[in-house]
């Protein structure tokens, strides 16, 4: 089981970076095809050292830890309702209670 999970994680890791590499190659190809450097064509993934520390951008949008904290706070404030999550929790509670009752009756 551990080997299987390790293989799966390795495969996902390789495919993820393969997608990023392919997007970067497509971006370079677009620049070569146009013949000039268009500022509207962003790189797929960039990491730069700035005054405030390391800054990353994915598909032209800057990603900082401050942005992630704001999004987390916003989601907590919204208290988003996910119907499927609630249904899944209820089903798991019912199944857990059912099997615990069955095991209690069989072994007690």
PDB file of N, CA and C in Angstrom:
ATOM      1  N   UNK A   1       0.829  -1.196   0.000  1.00  0.00           N
ATOM      2  CA  UNK A   1       0.000   0.000   0.000  1.00  0.00           C
ATOM      3  C   UNK A   1       0.868   1.252   0.000  1.00  0.00           C
ATOM      4  N   UNK A   2       1.958   1.202   0.762  1.00  0.00           N
ATOM      5  CA  UNK A   2       2.850   2.366   0.836  1.00  0.00           C
ATOM      6  C   UNK A   2       3.520   2.595  -0.507  1.00  0.00           C
ATOM      7  N   UNK A   3       3.923   1.505  -1.177  1.00  0.00           N
ATOM      8  CA  UNK A   3       4.544   1.647  -2.493  1.00  0.00           C
ATOM      9  C   UNK A   3       3.557   2.258  -3.489  1.00  0.00           C
ATOM     10  N   UNK A   4       2.306   1.807  -3.413  1.00  0.00           N
ATOM     11  CA  UNK A   4       1.287   2.328  -4.320  1.00  0.00           C
ATOM     12  C   UNK A   4       1.085   3.832  -4.107  1.00  0.00           C
ATOM     13  N   UNK A   5       0.971   4.256  -2.844  1.00  0.00           N
ATOM     14  CA  UNK A   5       0.778   5.681  -2.549  1.00  0.00           C
ATOM     15  C   UNK A   5       1.993   6.488  -2.987  1.00  0.00           C
ATOM     16  N   UNK A   6       3.178   5.946  -2.765  1.00  0.00           N
ATOM     17  CA  UNK A   6       4.396   6.631  -3.181  1.00  0.00           C
ATOM     18  C   UNK A   6       4.431   6.800  -4.695  1.00  0.00           C
ATOM     19  N   UNK A   7       4.057   5.744  -5.414  1.00  0.00           N
ATOM     20  CA  UNK A   7       4.006   5.831  -6.874  1.00  0.00           C
ATOM     21  C   UNK A   7       2.981   6.863  -7.331  1.00  0.00           C
ATOM     22  N   UNK A   8       1.829   6.896  -6.670  1.00  0.00           N
ATOM     23  CA  UNK A   8       0.787   7.863  -7.038  1.00  0.00           C
ATOM     24  C   UNK A   8       1.262   9.293  -6.811  1.00  0.00           C
ATOM     25  N   UNK A   9       1.855   9.550  -5.647  1.00  0.00           N
ATOM     26  CA  UNK A   9       2.350  10.905  -5.369  1.00  0.00           C
ATOM     27  C   UNK A   9       3.451  11.302  -6.343  1.00  0.00           C
ATOM     28  N   UNK A  10       4.332  10.370  -6.673  1.00  0.00           N
ATOM     29  CA  UNK A  10       5.400  10.660  -7.621  1.00  0.00           C
ATOM     30  C   UNK A  10       4.808  10.973  -8.993  1.00  0.00           C
ATOM     31  N   UNK A  11       3.813  10.201  -9.406  1.00  0.00           N
ATOM     32  CA  UNK A  11       3.169  10.427 -10.697  1.00  0.00           C
ATOM     33  C   UNK A  11       2.477  11.786 -10.748  1.00  0.00           C
ATOM     34  N   UNK A  12       1.751  12.136  -9.693  1.00  0.00           N
ATOM     35  CA  UNK A  12       1.072  13.437  -9.637  1.00  0.00           C
ATOM     36  C   UNK A  12       2.099  14.561  -9.663  1.00  0.00           C
ATOM     37  N   UNK A  13       3.192  14.397  -8.926  1.00  0.00           N
ATOM     38  CA  UNK A  13       4.253  15.402  -8.887  1.00  0.00           C
ATOM     39  C   UNK A  13       4.860  15.610 -10.272  1.00  0.00           C
ATOM     40  N   UNK A  14       5.176  14.518 -10.963  1.00  0.00           N
ATOM     41  CA  UNK A  14       5.773  14.605 -12.293  1.00  0.00           C
ATOM     42  C   UNK A  14       4.795  15.229 -13.281  1.00  0.00           C
ATOM     43  N   UNK A  15       3.535  14.824 -13.230  1.00  0.00           N
ATOM     44  CA  UNK A  15       2.549  15.376 -14.154  1.00  0.00           C
ATOM     45  C   UNK A  15       2.302  16.858 -13.904  1.00  0.00           C
ATOM     46  N   UNK A  16       2.275  17.276 -12.625  1.00  0.00           N
ATOM     47  CA  UNK A  16       2.065  18.689 -12.303  1.00  0.00           C
ATOM     48  C   UNK A  16       3.179  19.550 -12.883  1.00  0.00           C
ATOM     49  N   UNK A  17       4.413  19.133 -12.668  1.00  0.00           N
ATOM     50  CA  UNK A  17       5.520  19.917 -13.208  1.00  0.00           C
ATOM     51  C   UNK A  17       5.625  19.778 -14.713  1.00  0.00           C
ATOM     52  N   UNK A  18       5.144  18.678 -15.263  1.00  0.00           N
ATOM     53  CA  UNK A  18       5.080  18.543 -16.718  1.00  0.00           C
ATOM     54  C   UNK A  18       4.110  19.539 -17.329  1.00  0.00           C
ATOM     55  N   UNK A  19       2.992  19.750 -16.667  1.00  0.00           N
ATOM     56  CA  UNK A  19       2.018  20.743 -17.141  1.00  0.00           C
ATOM     57  C   UNK A  19       2.618  22.143 -17.077  1.00  0.00           C
ATOM     58  N   UNK A  20       3.266  22.474 -15.950  1.00  0.00           N
ATOM     59  CA  UNK A  20       3.899  23.789 -15.840  1.00  0.00           C
ATOM     60  C   UNK A  20       4.990  23.969 -16.885  1.00  0.00           C
ATOM     61  N   UNK A  21       5.787  22.938 -17.119  1.00  0.00           N
ATOM     62  CA  UNK A  21       6.840  23.007 -18.126  1.00  0.00           C
ATOM     63  C   UNK A  21       6.237  23.190 -19.519  1.00  0.00           C
ATOM     64  N   UNK A  22       5.161  22.480 -19.808  1.00  0.00           N
ATOM     65  CA  UNK A  22       4.503  22.621 -21.108  1.00  0.00           C
ATOM     66  C   UNK A  22       3.918  24.002 -21.313  1.00  0.00           C
ATOM     67  N   UNK A  23       3.352  24.586 -20.253  1.00  0.00           N
ATOM     68  CA  UNK A  23       2.814  25.942 -20.368  1.00  0.00           C
ATOM     69  C   UNK A  23       3.936  26.943 -20.609  1.00  0.00           C
ATOM     70  N   UNK A  24       5.074  26.737 -19.962  1.00  0.00           N
ATOM     71  CA  UNK A  24       6.211  27.628 -20.164  1.00  0.00           C
ATOM     72  C   UNK A  24       6.735  27.499 -21.594  1.00  0.00           C
ATOM     73  N   UNK A  25       6.803  26.280 -22.110  1.00  0.00           N
ATOM     74  CA  UNK A  25       7.256  26.070 -23.482  1.00  0.00           C
ATOM     75  C   UNK A  25       6.285  26.698 -24.481  1.00  0.00           C
ATOM     76  N   UNK A  26       4.990  26.587 -24.215  1.00  0.00           N
ATOM     77  CA  UNK A  26       3.999  27.207 -25.097  1.00  0.00           C
ATOM     78  C   UNK A  26       4.143  28.726 -25.072  1.00  0.00           C
ATOM     79  N   UNK A  27       4.419  29.289 -23.902  1.00  0.00           N
ATOM     80  CA  UNK A  27       4.626  30.728 -23.790  1.00  0.00           C
ATOM     81  C   UNK A  27       5.850  31.162 -24.595  1.00  0.00           C
ATOM     82  N   UNK A  28       6.932  30.407 -24.473  1.00  0.00           N
ATOM     83  CA  UNK A  28       8.135  30.728 -25.249  1.00  0.00           C
ATOM     84  C   UNK A  28       7.868  30.623 -26.742  1.00  0.00           C
ATOM     85  N   UNK A  29       7.095  29.625 -27.146  1.00  0.00           N
ATOM     86  CA  UNK A  29       6.740  29.476 -28.549  1.00  0.00           C
ATOM     87  C   UNK A  29       5.897  30.638 -29.057  1.00  0.00           C
ATOM     88  N   UNK A  30       4.981  31.129 -28.218  1.00  0.00           N
ATOM     89  CA  UNK A  30       4.171  32.288 -28.606  1.00  0.00           C
ATOM     90  C   UNK A  30       5.042  33.524 -28.792  1.00  0.00           C
ATOM     91  N   UNK A  31       6.023  33.692 -27.906  1.00  0.00           N
ATOM     92  CA  UNK A  31       6.925  34.842 -28.033  1.00  0.00           C
ATOM     93  C   UNK A  31       7.755  34.746 -29.304  1.00  0.00           C
ATOM     94  N   UNK A  32       8.241  33.545 -29.616  1.00  0.00           N
ATOM     95  CA  UNK A  32       9.030  33.356 -30.838  1.00  0.00           C
ATOM     96  C   UNK A  32       8.169  33.581 -32.077  1.00  0.00           C
ATOM     97  N   UNK A  33       6.910  33.147 -32.010  1.00  0.00           N
ATOM     98  CA  UNK A  33       6.023  33.285 -33.154  1.00  0.00           C
ATOM     99  C   UNK A  33       5.694  34.759 -33.409  1.00  0.00           C
ATOM    100  N   UNK A  34       5.502  35.533 -32.338  1.00  0.00           N
ATOM    101  CA  UNK A  34       5.195  36.953 -32.502  1.00  0.00           C
ATOM    102  C   UNK A  34       6.417  37.729 -32.967  1.00  0.00           C
ATOM    103  N   UNK A  35       7.584  37.318 -32.523  1.00  0.00           N
ATOM    104  CA  UNK A  35       8.805  37.991 -32.939  1.00  0.00           C
ATOM    105  C   UNK A  35       9.224  39.119 -32.013  1.00  0.00           C
ATOM    106  N   UNK A  36       8.469  39.394 -30.993  1.00  0.00           N
ATOM    107  CA  UNK A  36       8.836  40.413 -30.013  1.00  0.00           C
ATOM    108  C   UNK A  36       8.287  40.006 -28.658  1.00  0.00           C
ATOM    109  N   UNK A  37       8.787  40.652 -27.613  1.00  0.00           N
ATOM    110  CA  UNK A  37       8.382  40.314 -26.257  1.00  0.00           C
ATOM    111  C   UNK A  37       7.121  41.089 -25.901  1.00  0.00           C
ATOM    112  N   UNK A  38       6.008  40.407 -25.847  1.00  0.00           N
ATOM    113  CA  UNK A  38       4.724  41.015 -25.513  1.00  0.00           C
ATOM    114  C   UNK A  38       4.529  40.950 -24.003  1.00  0.00           C
ATOM    115  N   UNK A  39       4.360  42.099 -23.339  1.00  0.00           N
ATOM    116  CA  UNK A  39       4.195  42.045 -21.875  1.00  0.00           C
ATOM    117  C   UNK A  39       2.892  41.384 -21.432  1.00  0.00           C
ATOM    118  N   UNK A  40       1.955  41.181 -22.338  1.00  0.00           N
ATOM    119  CA  UNK A  40       0.698  40.526 -21.963  1.00  0.00           C
ATOM    120  C   UNK A  40       0.850  39.011 -21.882  1.00  0.00           C
ATOM    121  N   UNK A  41       1.934  38.469 -22.414  1.00  0.00           N
ATOM    122  CA  UNK A  41       2.188  37.038 -22.325  1.00  0.00           C
ATOM    123  C   UNK A  41       3.019  36.776 -21.077  1.00  0.00           C
ATOM    124  N   UNK A  42       2.397  36.193 -20.078  1.00  0.00           N
ATOM    125  CA  UNK A  42       3.088  35.917 -18.821  1.00  0.00           C
ATOM    126  C   UNK A  42       3.712  34.535 -18.853  1.00  0.00           C
ATOM    127  N   UNK A  43       4.739  34.358 -18.066  1.00  0.00           N
ATOM    128  CA  UNK A  43       5.318  33.028 -17.895  1.00  0.00           C
ATOM    129  C   UNK A  43       4.388  32.201 -17.026  1.00  0.00           C
ATOM    130  N   UNK A  44       4.487  30.904 -17.154  1.00  0.00           N
ATOM    131  CA  UNK A  44       3.607  30.024 -16.384  1.00  0.00           C
ATOM    132  C   UNK A  44       3.928  30.116 -14.896  1.00  0.00           C
ATOM    133  N   UNK A  45       5.214  30.215 -14.563  1.00  0.00           N
ATOM    134  CA  UNK A  45       5.597  30.208 -13.155  1.00  0.00           C
ATOM    135  C   UNK A  45       6.901  30.976 -13.019  1.00  0.00           C
ATOM    136  N   UNK A  46       6.922  31.973 -12.122  1.00  0.00           N
ATOM    137  CA  UNK A  46       8.129  32.761 -11.881  1.00  0.00           C
ATOM    138  C   UNK A  46       8.336  32.923 -10.386  1.00  0.00           C
ATOM    139  N   UNK A  47       9.599  32.866  -9.975  1.00  0.00           N
ATOM    140  CA  UNK A  47       9.963  33.134  -8.595  1.00  0.00           C
ATOM    141  C   UNK A  47      11.030  34.214  -8.627  1.00  0.00           C
ATOM    142  N   UNK A  48      10.794  35.309  -7.897  1.00  0.00           N
ATOM    143  CA  UNK A  48      11.724  36.431  -7.889  1.00  0.00           C
ATOM    144  C   UNK A  48      12.069  36.798  -6.460  1.00  0.00           C
ATOM    145  N   UNK A  49      13.301  37.227  -6.272  1.00  0.00           N
ATOM    146  CA  UNK A  49      13.730  37.731  -4.974  1.00  0.00           C
ATOM    147  C   UNK A  49      13.454  39.232  -4.948  1.00  0.00           C
ATOM    148  N   UNK A  50      12.602  39.671  -4.027  1.00  0.00           N
ATOM    149  CA  UNK A  50      12.263  41.080  -3.911  1.00  0.00           C
ATOM    150  C   UNK A  50      12.735  41.654  -2.601  1.00  0.00           C
ATOM    151  N   UNK A  51      12.424  42.921  -2.391  1.00  0.00           N
ATOM    152  CA  UNK A  51      12.811  43.583  -1.145  1.00  0.00           C
ATOM    153  C   UNK A  51      12.081  42.979   0.053  1.00  0.00           C
ATOM    154  N   UNK A  52      10.847  42.583  -0.162  1.00  0.00           N
ATOM    155  CA  UNK A  52      10.044  42.038   0.939  1.00  0.00           C
ATOM    156  C   UNK A  52      10.177  40.522   1.056  1.00  0.00           C
ATOM    157  N   UNK A  53      11.112  39.927   0.327  1.00  0.00           N
ATOM    158  CA  UNK A  53      11.300  38.483   0.392  1.00  0.00           C
ATOM    159  C   UNK A  53      11.048  37.844  -0.951  1.00  0.00           C
ATOM    160  N   UNK A  54      10.781  36.583  -0.949  1.00  0.00           N
ATOM    161  CA  UNK A  54      10.548  35.842  -2.182  1.00  0.00           C
ATOM    162  C   UNK A  54       9.114  36.056  -2.649  1.00  0.00           C
ATOM    163  N   UNK A  55       8.984  36.382  -3.931  1.00  0.00           N
ATOM    164  CA  UNK A  55       7.668  36.581  -4.528  1.00  0.00           C
ATOM    165  C   UNK A  55       7.494  35.570  -5.654  1.00  0.00           C
ATOM    166  N   UNK A  56       6.324  34.995  -5.752  1.00  0.00           N
ATOM    167  CA  UNK A  56       6.024  34.014  -6.797  1.00  0.00           C
ATOM    168  C   UNK A  56       4.828  34.494  -7.595  1.00  0.00           C
ATOM    169  N   UNK A  57       4.810  34.117  -8.854  1.00  0.00           N
ATOM    170  CA  UNK A  57       3.648  34.408  -9.682  1.00  0.00           C
ATOM    171  C   UNK A  57       3.326  33.168 -10.507  1.00  0.00           C
ATOM    172  N   UNK A  58       2.043  32.846 -10.543  1.00  0.00           N
ATOM    173  CA  UNK A  58       1.557  31.702 -11.308  1.00  0.00           C
ATOM    174  C   UNK A  58       0.577  32.237 -12.328  1.00  0.00           C
ATOM    175  N   UNK A  59       0.867  31.998 -13.583  1.00  0.00           N
ATOM    176  CA  UNK A  59       0.053  32.474 -14.705  1.00  0.00           C
ATOM    177  C   UNK A  59      -0.167  33.976 -14.644  1.00  0.00           C
ATOM    178  N   UNK A  60       0.860  34.723 -14.255  1.00  0.00           N
ATOM    179  CA  UNK A  60       0.808  36.176 -14.253  1.00  0.00           C
ATOM    180  C   UNK A  60       0.194  36.802 -13.025  1.00  0.00           C
ATOM    181  N   UNK A  61      -0.300  36.016 -12.104  1.00  0.00           N
ATOM    182  CA  UNK A  61      -0.896  36.553 -10.880  1.00  0.00           C
ATOM    183  C   UNK A  61       0.055  36.313  -9.728  1.00  0.00           C
ATOM    184  N   UNK A  62       0.369  37.386  -9.001  1.00  0.00           N
ATOM    185  CA  UNK A  62       1.291  37.265  -7.878  1.00  0.00           C
ATOM    186  C   UNK A  62       0.627  36.542  -6.723  1.00  0.00           C
ATOM    187  N   UNK A  63       1.384  35.665  -6.099  1.00  0.00           N
ATOM    188  CA  UNK A  63       0.896  34.884  -4.967  1.00  0.00           C
ATOM    189  C   UNK A  63       1.780  35.204  -3.775  1.00  0.00           C
ATOM    190  N   UNK A  64       1.167  35.695  -2.705  1.00  0.00           N
ATOM    191  CA  UNK A  64       1.905  35.967  -1.480  1.00  0.00           C
ATOM    192  C   UNK A  64       1.176  35.309  -0.319  1.00  0.00           C
ATOM    193  N   UNK A  65       1.872  35.153   0.777  1.00  0.00           N
ATOM    194  CA  UNK A  65       1.237  34.541   1.942  1.00  0.00           C
ATOM    195  C   UNK A  65       0.153  35.452   2.501  1.00  0.00           C
ATOM    196  N   UNK A  66       0.315  36.777   2.310  1.00  0.00           N
ATOM    197  CA  UNK A  66      -0.700  37.720   2.781  1.00  0.00           C
ATOM    198  C   UNK A  66      -2.017  37.503   2.041  1.00  0.00           C
ATOM    199  N   UNK A  67      -1.944  37.267   0.725  1.00  0.00           N
ATOM    200  CA  UNK A  67      -3.152  37.008  -0.062  1.00  0.00           C
ATOM    201  C   UNK A  67      -3.850  35.740   0.415  1.00  0.00           C
ATOM    202  N   UNK A  68      -3.055  34.713   0.709  1.00  0.00           N
ATOM    203  CA  UNK A  68      -3.649  33.455   1.159  1.00  0.00           C
ATOM    204  C   UNK A  68      -4.334  33.617   2.507  1.00  0.00           C
ATOM    205  N   UNK A  69      -3.751  34.416   3.395  1.00  0.00           N
ATOM    206  CA  UNK A  69      -4.368  34.659   4.696  1.00  0.00           C
ATOM    207  C   UNK A  69      -5.675  35.419   4.545  1.00  0.00           C
ATOM    208  N   UNK A  70      -5.708  36.395   3.624  1.00  0.00           N
ATOM    209  CA  UNK A  70      -6.940  37.147   3.385  1.00  0.00           C
ATOM    210  C   UNK A  70      -8.036  36.221   2.854  1.00  0.00           C
ATOM    211  N   UNK A  71      -7.696  35.344   1.933  1.00  0.00           N
ATOM    212  CA  UNK A  71      -8.690  34.426   1.379  1.00  0.00           C
ATOM    213  C   UNK A  71      -9.204  33.477   2.444  1.00  0.00           C
ATOM    214  N   UNK A  72      -8.313  33.020   3.322  1.00  0.00           N
ATOM    215  CA  UNK A  72      -8.731  32.124   4.397  1.00  0.00           C
ATOM    216  C   UNK A  72      -9.705  32.831   5.334  1.00  0.00           C
ATOM    217  N   UNK A  73      -9.405  34.086   5.691  1.00  0.00           N
ATOM    218  CA  UNK A  73     -10.297  34.854   6.563  1.00  0.00           C
ATOM    219  C   UNK A  73     -11.637  35.095   5.884  1.00  0.00           C
ATOM    220  N   UNK A  74     -11.589  35.396   4.590  1.00  0.00           N
ATOM    221  CA  UNK A  74     -12.819  35.653   3.850  1.00  0.00           C
ATOM    222  C   UNK A  74     -13.697  34.402   3.818  1.00  0.00           C
ATOM    223  N   UNK A  75     -13.106  33.235   3.604  1.00  0.00           N
ATOM    224  CA  UNK A  75     -13.879  31.997   3.596  1.00  0.00           C
ATOM    225  C   UNK A  75     -14.457  31.694   4.969  1.00  0.00           C
ATOM    226  N   UNK A  76     -13.689  31.982   6.025  1.00  0.00           N
ATOM    227  CA  UNK A  76     -14.199  31.749   7.370  1.00  0.00           C
ATOM    228  C   UNK A  76     -15.355  32.691   7.684  1.00  0.00           C
ATOM    229  N   UNK A  77     -15.291  33.928   7.205  1.00  0.00           N
ATOM    230  CA  UNK A  77     -16.366  34.890   7.436  1.00  0.00           C
ATOM    231  C   UNK A  77     -17.623  34.504   6.665  1.00  0.00           C
ATOM    232  N   UNK A  78     -17.436  33.974   5.466  1.00  0.00           N
ATOM    233  CA  UNK A  78     -18.583  33.602   4.645  1.00  0.00           C
ATOM    234  C   UNK A  78     -19.302  32.390   5.220  1.00  0.00           C
ATOM    235  N   UNK A  79     -18.568  31.533   5.890  1.00  0.00           N
ATOM    236  CA  UNK A  79     -19.118  30.272   6.395  1.00  0.00           C
ATOM    237  C   UNK A  79     -19.870  29.573   5.273  1.00  0.00           C
ATOM    238  N   UNK A  80     -19.130  29.335   4.193  1.00  0.00           N
ATOM    239  CA  UNK A  80     -19.723  28.763   2.982  1.00  0.00           C
ATOM    240  C   UNK A  80     -20.413  27.441   3.284  1.00  0.00           C
ATOM    241  N   UNK A  81     -21.586  27.276   2.720  1.00  0.00           N
ATOM    242  CA  UNK A  81     -22.385  26.078   2.906  1.00  0.00           C
ATOM    243  C   UNK A  81     -22.141  25.147   1.733  1.00  0.00           C
ATOM    244  N   UNK A  82     -21.664  23.968   2.031  1.00  0.00           N
ATOM    245  CA  UNK A  82     -21.434  22.972   1.001  1.00  0.00           C
ATOM    246  C   UNK A  82     -22.375  21.808   1.256  1.00  0.00           C
ATOM    247  N   UNK A  83     -23.381  21.683   0.417  1.00  0.00           N
ATOM    248  CA  UNK A  83     -24.411  20.682   0.605  1.00  0.00           C
ATOM    249  C   UNK A  83     -23.825  19.273   0.560  1.00  0.00           C
ATOM    250  N   UNK A  84     -22.942  19.009  -0.386  1.00  0.00           N
ATOM    251  CA  UNK A  84     -22.378  17.674  -0.528  1.00  0.00           C
ATOM    252  C   UNK A  84     -21.517  17.309   0.675  1.00  0.00           C
ATOM    253  N   UNK A  85     -20.819  18.272   1.234  1.00  0.00           N
ATOM    254  CA  UNK A  85     -20.003  18.016   2.419  1.00  0.00           C
ATOM    255  C   UNK A  85     -20.883  17.634   3.603  1.00  0.00           C
ATOM    256  N   UNK A  86     -21.968  18.374   3.777  1.00  0.00           N
ATOM    257  CA  UNK A  86     -22.890  18.065   4.883  1.00  0.00           C
ATOM    258  C   UNK A  86     -23.560  16.702   4.700  1.00  0.00           C
ATOM    259  N   UNK A  87     -23.955  16.382   3.472  1.00  0.00           N
ATOM    260  CA  UNK A  87     -24.567  15.085   3.205  1.00  0.00           C
ATOM    261  C   UNK A  87     -23.557  13.972   3.482  1.00  0.00           C
ATOM    262  N   UNK A  88     -22.326  14.162   3.060  1.00  0.00           N
ATOM    263  CA  UNK A  88     -21.280  13.170   3.299  1.00  0.00           C
ATOM    264  C   UNK A  88     -21.021  12.957   4.779  1.00  0.00           C
ATOM    265  N   UNK A  89     -21.020  14.046   5.548  1.00  0.00           N
ATOM    266  CA  UNK A  89     -20.818  13.920   6.996  1.00  0.00           C
ATOM    267  C   UNK A  89     -21.958  13.151   7.643  1.00  0.00           C
ATOM    268  N   UNK A  90     -23.193  13.431   7.213  1.00  0.00           N
ATOM    269  CA  UNK A  90     -24.345  12.733   7.782  1.00  0.00           C
ATOM    270  C   UNK A  90     -24.320  11.252   7.437  1.00  0.00           C
ATOM    271  N   UNK A  91     -23.974  10.928   6.193  1.00  0.00           N
ATOM    272  CA  UNK A  91     -23.900   9.524   5.781  1.00  0.00           C
ATOM    273  C   UNK A  91     -22.813   8.799   6.562  1.00  0.00           C
ATOM    274  N   UNK A  92     -21.663   9.448   6.738  1.00  0.00           N
ATOM    275  CA  UNK A  92     -20.580   8.792   7.485  1.00  0.00           C
ATOM    276  C   UNK A  92     -20.974   8.586   8.942  1.00  0.00           C
ATOM    277  N   UNK A  93     -21.705   9.530   9.531  1.00  0.00           N
ATOM    278  CA  UNK A  93     -22.178   9.351  10.910  1.00  0.00           C
ATOM    279  C   UNK A  93     -23.139   8.184  11.016  1.00  0.00           C
ATOM    280  N   UNK A  94     -24.053   8.072  10.059  1.00  0.00           N
ATOM    281  CA  UNK A  94     -25.032   6.976  10.073  1.00  0.00           C
ATOM    282  C   UNK A  94     -24.317   5.639   9.932  1.00  0.00           C
ATOM    283  N   UNK A  95     -23.387   5.535   8.990  1.00  0.00           N
ATOM    284  CA  UNK A  95     -22.670   4.274   8.763  1.00  0.00           C
ATOM    285  C   UNK A  95     -21.830   3.924   9.985  1.00  0.00           C
ATOM    286  N   UNK A  96     -21.161   4.915  10.580  1.00  0.00           N
ATOM    287  CA  UNK A  96     -20.354   4.670  11.781  1.00  0.00           C
ATOM    288  C   UNK A  96     -21.214   4.167  12.926  1.00  0.00           C
ATOM    289  N   UNK A  97     -22.333   4.821  13.153  1.00  0.00           N
ATOM    290  CA  UNK A  97     -23.239   4.390  14.220  1.00  0.00           C
ATOM    291  C   UNK A  97     -23.810   2.999  13.947  1.00  0.00           C
ATOM    292  N   UNK A  98     -24.165   2.701  12.703  1.00  0.00           N
ATOM    293  CA  UNK A  98     -24.714   1.407  12.334  1.00  0.00           C
ATOM    294  C   UNK A  98     -23.710   0.289  12.617  1.00  0.00           C
ATOM    295  N   UNK A  99     -22.473   0.467  12.167  1.00  0.00           N
ATOM    296  CA  UNK A  99     -21.473  -0.571  12.376  1.00  0.00           C
ATOM    297  C   UNK A  99     -21.068  -0.695  13.839  1.00  0.00           C
ATOM    298  N   UNK A 100     -21.059   0.407  14.565  1.00  0.00           N
ATOM    299  CA  UNK A 100     -20.733   0.306  15.987  1.00  0.00           C
ATOM    300  C   UNK A 100     -21.835  -0.449  16.738  1.00  0.00           C
ATOM    301  N   UNK A 101     -23.089  -0.234  16.369  1.00  0.00           N
ATOM    302  CA  UNK A 101     -24.182  -0.974  16.987  1.00  0.00           C
ATOM    303  C   UNK A 101     -24.115  -2.462  16.637  1.00  0.00           C
ATOM    304  N   UNK A 102     -23.807  -2.767  15.387  1.00  0.00           N
ATOM    305  CA  UNK A 102     -23.706  -4.165  14.959  1.00  0.00           C
ATOM    306  C   UNK A 102     -22.559  -4.869  15.701  1.00  0.00           C
ATOM    307  N   UNK A 103     -21.418  -4.229  15.796  1.00  0.00           N
ATOM    308  CA  UNK A 103     -20.293  -4.852  16.503  1.00  0.00           C
ATOM    309  C   UNK A 103     -20.587  -4.990  18.002  1.00  0.00           C
ATOM    310  N   UNK A 104     -21.278  -4.021  18.576  1.00  0.00           N
ATOM    311  CA  UNK A 104     -21.638  -4.127  19.987  1.00  0.00           C
ATOM    312  C   UNK A 104     -22.572  -5.302  20.242  1.00  0.00           C
ATOM    313  N   UNK A 105     -23.547  -5.517  19.363  1.00  0.00           N
ATOM    314  CA  UNK A 105     -24.495  -6.615  19.536  1.00  0.00           C
ATOM    315  C   UNK A 105     -23.844  -7.961  19.288  1.00  0.00           C
ATOM    316  N   UNK A 106     -22.890  -8.015  18.335  1.00  0.00           N
ATOM    317  CA  UNK A 106     -22.242  -9.285  18.025  1.00  0.00           C
ATOM    318  C   UNK A 106     -21.246  -9.702  19.108  1.00  0.00           C
ATOM    319  N   UNK A 107     -20.502  -8.769  19.659  1.00  0.00           N
ATOM    320  CA  UNK A 107     -19.428  -9.110  20.584  1.00  0.00           C
ATOM    321  C   UNK A 107     -19.768  -8.875  22.042  1.00  0.00           C
ATOM    322  N   UNK A 108     -20.925  -8.394  22.361  1.00  0.00           N
ATOM    323  CA  UNK A 108     -21.321  -8.184  23.765  1.00  0.00           C
ATOM    324  C   UNK A 108     -22.419  -9.104  24.171  1.00  0.00           C
TER     325      UNK A 108
END
